[in-house]
Amino acid sequence: MHREDLLPRSIFCILVGCIMCIGINNANAQKQPLSKEYLHRAEKMYGDIWEHYRVPAYNGLFWEYFPSSKNDTLDYFQGGKVKVQDVSFLWPFTGVLSATNVLLKIPGERKKYLTYLDSLVTGVEKYKDSTRSPTGYQAYPTQFKKIDRL
């Protein structure tokens, strides 16, 4: 079985949620040491997200599922077949941003994840809509279409 077959074809944010679980251990670092096994798993999953979900054509942005193909349709979304978007919506994107912030808090790991944070800041700015007043962040990058704002 290929590695690609093992990764789910669903919103990558589900994967990011697992990474955020280590934040609970980090918050209680004085009471109990951070588990090296959980850190290893989180870093592995985080690396897989960046390897398989990052969209090279759009710096700082991600696909919503893997493997990604523009010809696919998503049958779990809005009760019907919906064409795959070029990149993810803001909500799953912020899941990766949150996971990065958690990993930055782990003692000794900050320097490793600052590079990822720089790329994510570039990505989140692509959701910024300054053509409407007041300026805000919309649910999908402005370079693709105008859509609801948060």
Protein backbone atom coordinates (compact mmCIF):
# COMPACT_ATOMS: atom_id res chain seq x y z
CA MET A 1 0.00 0.00 0.00
CA HIS A 2 1.35 3.43 -0.93
CA ARG A 3 1.83 6.15 1.67
CA GLU A 4 -0.68 8.32 -0.20
CA ASP A 5 -3.34 5.65 0.37
CA LEU A 6 -2.87 5.94 4.12
CA LEU A 7 -3.61 9.66 4.30
CA PRO A 8 -7.30 10.51 4.44
CA ARG A 9 -9.01 12.45 1.70
CA SER A 10 -10.57 14.91 4.10
CA ILE A 11 -9.98 18.38 5.39
CA PHE A 12 -6.42 18.52 6.69
CA CYS A 13 -7.59 20.47 9.71
CA ILE A 14 -8.51 17.19 11.37
CA LEU A 15 -4.82 16.34 11.34
CA VAL A 16 -3.91 19.70 12.80
CA GLY A 17 -6.23 19.16 15.75
CA CYS A 18 -4.06 16.29 16.89
CA ILE A 19 -1.01 18.55 16.92
CA MET A 20 -2.81 21.05 19.12
CA CYS A 21 -3.26 18.38 21.80
CA ILE A 22 0.37 18.74 22.78
CA GLY A 23 -0.45 22.29 23.90
CA ILE A 24 -2.23 20.82 26.93
CA ASN A 25 0.94 19.00 27.95
CA ASN A 26 2.99 22.14 27.33
CA ALA A 27 0.70 24.23 29.57
CA ASN A 28 1.28 21.76 32.40
CA ALA A 29 5.03 21.50 31.80
CA GLN A 30 5.84 22.28 35.45
CA LYS A 31 3.63 19.41 36.66
CA GLN A 32 4.66 16.74 34.18
CA PRO A 33 7.36 16.55 31.49
CA LEU A 34 6.43 16.83 27.83
CA SER A 35 6.22 13.38 26.29
CA LYS A 36 8.89 12.84 23.65
CA GLU A 37 6.64 10.30 21.92
CA TYR A 38 3.77 12.79 21.56
CA LEU A 39 6.17 15.46 20.35
CA HIS A 40 7.60 13.03 17.80
CA ARG A 41 4.09 12.19 16.55
CA ALA A 42 3.09 15.85 16.35
CA GLU A 43 6.23 16.77 14.43
CA LYS A 44 5.71 13.85 12.04
CA MET A 45 2.11 14.83 11.37
CA TYR A 46 3.07 18.50 10.99
CA GLY A 47 5.76 17.55 8.47
CA ASP A 48 3.28 15.42 6.53
CA ILE A 49 0.86 18.37 6.33
CA TRP A 50 3.57 20.62 4.91
CA GLU A 51 4.74 17.94 2.50
CA HIS A 52 1.37 16.80 1.17
CA TYR A 53 -1.03 19.73 1.64
CA ARG A 54 1.08 22.77 0.80
CA VAL A 55 0.30 24.24 -2.62
CA PRO A 56 3.65 25.10 -4.26
CA ALA A 57 1.98 27.37 -6.84
CA TYR A 58 0.55 29.60 -4.08
CA ASN A 59 3.14 30.50 -1.47
CA GLY A 60 1.84 29.96 2.06
CA LEU A 61 -1.43 28.25 1.10
CA PHE A 62 -2.67 24.66 1.45
CA TRP A 63 -5.04 22.21 -0.20
CA GLU A 64 -8.02 20.97 1.80
CA TYR A 65 -7.35 17.27 1.26
CA PHE A 66 -4.77 14.85 -0.11
CA PRO A 67 -4.21 13.64 -2.74
CA SER A 68 -5.54 16.70 -4.51
CA SER A 69 -6.80 16.87 -8.06
CA LYS A 70 -8.76 19.70 -9.65
CA ASN A 71 -11.03 17.14 -11.32
CA ASP A 72 -12.24 15.71 -8.01
CA THR A 73 -15.56 16.50 -6.37
CA LEU A 74 -16.25 16.50 -2.67
CA ASP A 75 -19.39 14.57 -1.83
CA TYR A 76 -19.35 15.32 1.92
CA PHE A 77 -19.57 19.10 1.47
CA GLN A 78 -22.98 20.82 1.52
CA GLY A 79 -24.75 17.53 0.84
CA GLY A 80 -23.71 17.33 -2.80
CA LYS A 81 -20.92 17.17 -5.29
CA VAL A 82 -18.80 20.31 -5.01
CA LYS A 83 -15.76 20.99 -7.18
CA VAL A 84 -12.47 21.08 -5.32
CA GLN A 85 -11.16 24.57 -4.60
CA ASP A 86 -7.68 25.70 -5.62
CA VAL A 87 -6.69 26.13 -1.95
CA SER A 88 -8.26 25.73 1.48
CA PHE A 89 -10.68 28.10 3.14
CA LEU A 90 -9.46 30.27 6.01
CA TRP A 91 -10.80 28.03 8.80
CA PRO A 92 -8.61 24.99 8.04
CA PHE A 93 -5.70 27.29 7.20
CA THR A 94 -5.87 28.80 10.69
CA GLY A 95 -5.68 25.26 12.09
CA VAL A 96 -2.15 24.99 10.67
CA LEU A 97 -1.36 28.45 12.05
CA SER A 98 -2.59 27.40 15.51
CA ALA A 99 -0.58 24.19 15.40
CA THR A 100 2.52 26.20 14.52
CA ASN A 101 1.95 28.51 17.49
CA VAL A 102 1.68 25.49 19.79
CA LEU A 103 4.92 24.00 18.45
CA LEU A 104 6.66 27.37 18.91
CA LYS A 105 5.93 27.17 22.64
CA ILE A 106 7.78 23.89 23.15
CA PRO A 107 11.15 24.50 24.81
CA GLY A 108 13.99 24.13 22.31
CA GLU A 109 11.71 23.99 19.24
CA ARG A 110 11.06 27.70 18.58
CA LYS A 111 13.84 28.28 16.06
CA LYS A 112 12.75 25.28 13.96
CA TYR A 113 9.17 26.55 13.55
CA LEU A 114 9.78 30.28 13.01
CA THR A 115 10.36 29.63 9.30
CA TYR A 116 6.94 28.00 9.05
CA LEU A 117 5.37 30.96 10.84
CA ASP A 118 6.85 33.37 8.28
CA SER A 119 5.28 31.39 5.44
CA LEU A 120 1.92 31.24 7.24
CA VAL A 121 1.86 35.00 7.81
CA THR A 122 2.37 35.40 4.06
CA GLY A 123 -0.50 32.96 3.50
CA VAL A 124 -2.98 34.53 5.91
CA GLU A 125 -2.51 37.91 4.26
CA LYS A 126 -3.90 36.39 1.05
CA TYR A 127 -7.29 36.18 2.79
CA LYS A 128 -7.24 39.91 3.62
CA ASP A 129 -9.85 41.96 1.77
CA SER A 130 -9.04 45.65 1.70
CA THR A 131 -11.33 46.42 -1.27
CA ARG A 132 -14.39 46.59 0.99
CA SER A 133 -14.87 48.70 4.09
CA PRO A 134 -13.96 47.97 6.74
CA THR A 135 -10.92 45.91 5.79
CA GLY A 136 -11.29 42.32 6.96
CA TYR A 137 -10.40 38.72 6.25
CA GLN A 138 -12.63 36.73 3.95
CA ALA A 139 -13.22 32.99 4.01
CA TYR A 140 -11.23 32.36 0.80
CA PRO A 141 -8.13 34.09 -0.64
CA THR A 142 -9.03 37.31 -2.43
CA GLN A 143 -6.93 36.46 -5.49
CA PHE A 144 -9.44 33.76 -6.44
CA LYS A 145 -12.84 35.33 -5.70
CA LYS A 146 -14.82 37.69 -3.53
CA ILE A 147 -16.62 35.77 -0.78
CA ASP A 148 -18.04 36.12 2.74
CA ARG A 149 -15.85 37.90 5.23
CA LEU A 150 -15.23 37.09 8.85
